[in-house]
């Protein structure tokens, strides 16, 4: 937290108890079937670099925001289930859609081979850390981003990683209520998460191996040890850089990013070269980050 590590402006330790008590991941390890990641498959005919929505947002900057006075997330449905399960490894109360726009999960195809896709994604989700009788405490990372390499039929996952970017000095918003009503005062602080991530320990492996006739030729040992595989190298036919994919996901979440914004010093060089005026905007936080 930036204002104080021990509470401030008369805030009691009880108000921050949900945050203080969250010291470990809810589930440091979890087992998923490859098919659970099917929602990350691109729609038929999706082009390289063209974003699509896994979980569409329901709000816009003109439609207000969802209630702050909630404790438990709604039951996930459809493609929300895998996102909810993944984020639930951090904390048991993930909300797959933030209270404020832009919400949801957007994805982008970044590489294609004969049998595999690489998909990059960006998630705007948050956590509610408190339980009654305490008042809600909202923990909202600037974003979750990551990638998945999966077979085109979603029967095999080669790699997966999800994380909160930490390249900025501030990357998480924290808000908590002082009373039980929606109109109660809310305190706000912003802070920094050095590391918050999920990563696959290795490629997925089947529990059984069948021959061409459907007969089992090998299976997982009773001890639970996975089958041993040597995976072939993937040869990509089309690829998009991480930076370009991240930019396209950013534009999908924040359409104002279609305009190229320049650092203060670079703007004057560009303006001079193009004989244009400079429109300068000074902000305390970043507009393209949910933590601000």
Foldseek 3Di string as FASTA:
>chain_A
DPPDPQDDPPDHVLLCVLVVVQDFFPAPDDDDALVLCVLQADDPPDDALAKDFSWAADDDQPRAWDFQFDAAEDDDDDSVVSVLVVVCRRPVHKHQFHRDAPAGKMKGWFFDFPWKTKIKMKGFIWGFRDDPPHTTKIKTFQIKIWIWIATNVSNKTFWTKIWRDQPDQWTIKMKTFPDNDSPGDIDIDIGGDPIDMDIDPGMDADQFDADPVRHTDDGADPVRDGDDDDDDDTDTPGGDDPVSSVLSNLCVRPVVVVDPDDPPVVQVVVCVVVVHDDDDDDDPDDPSTPND
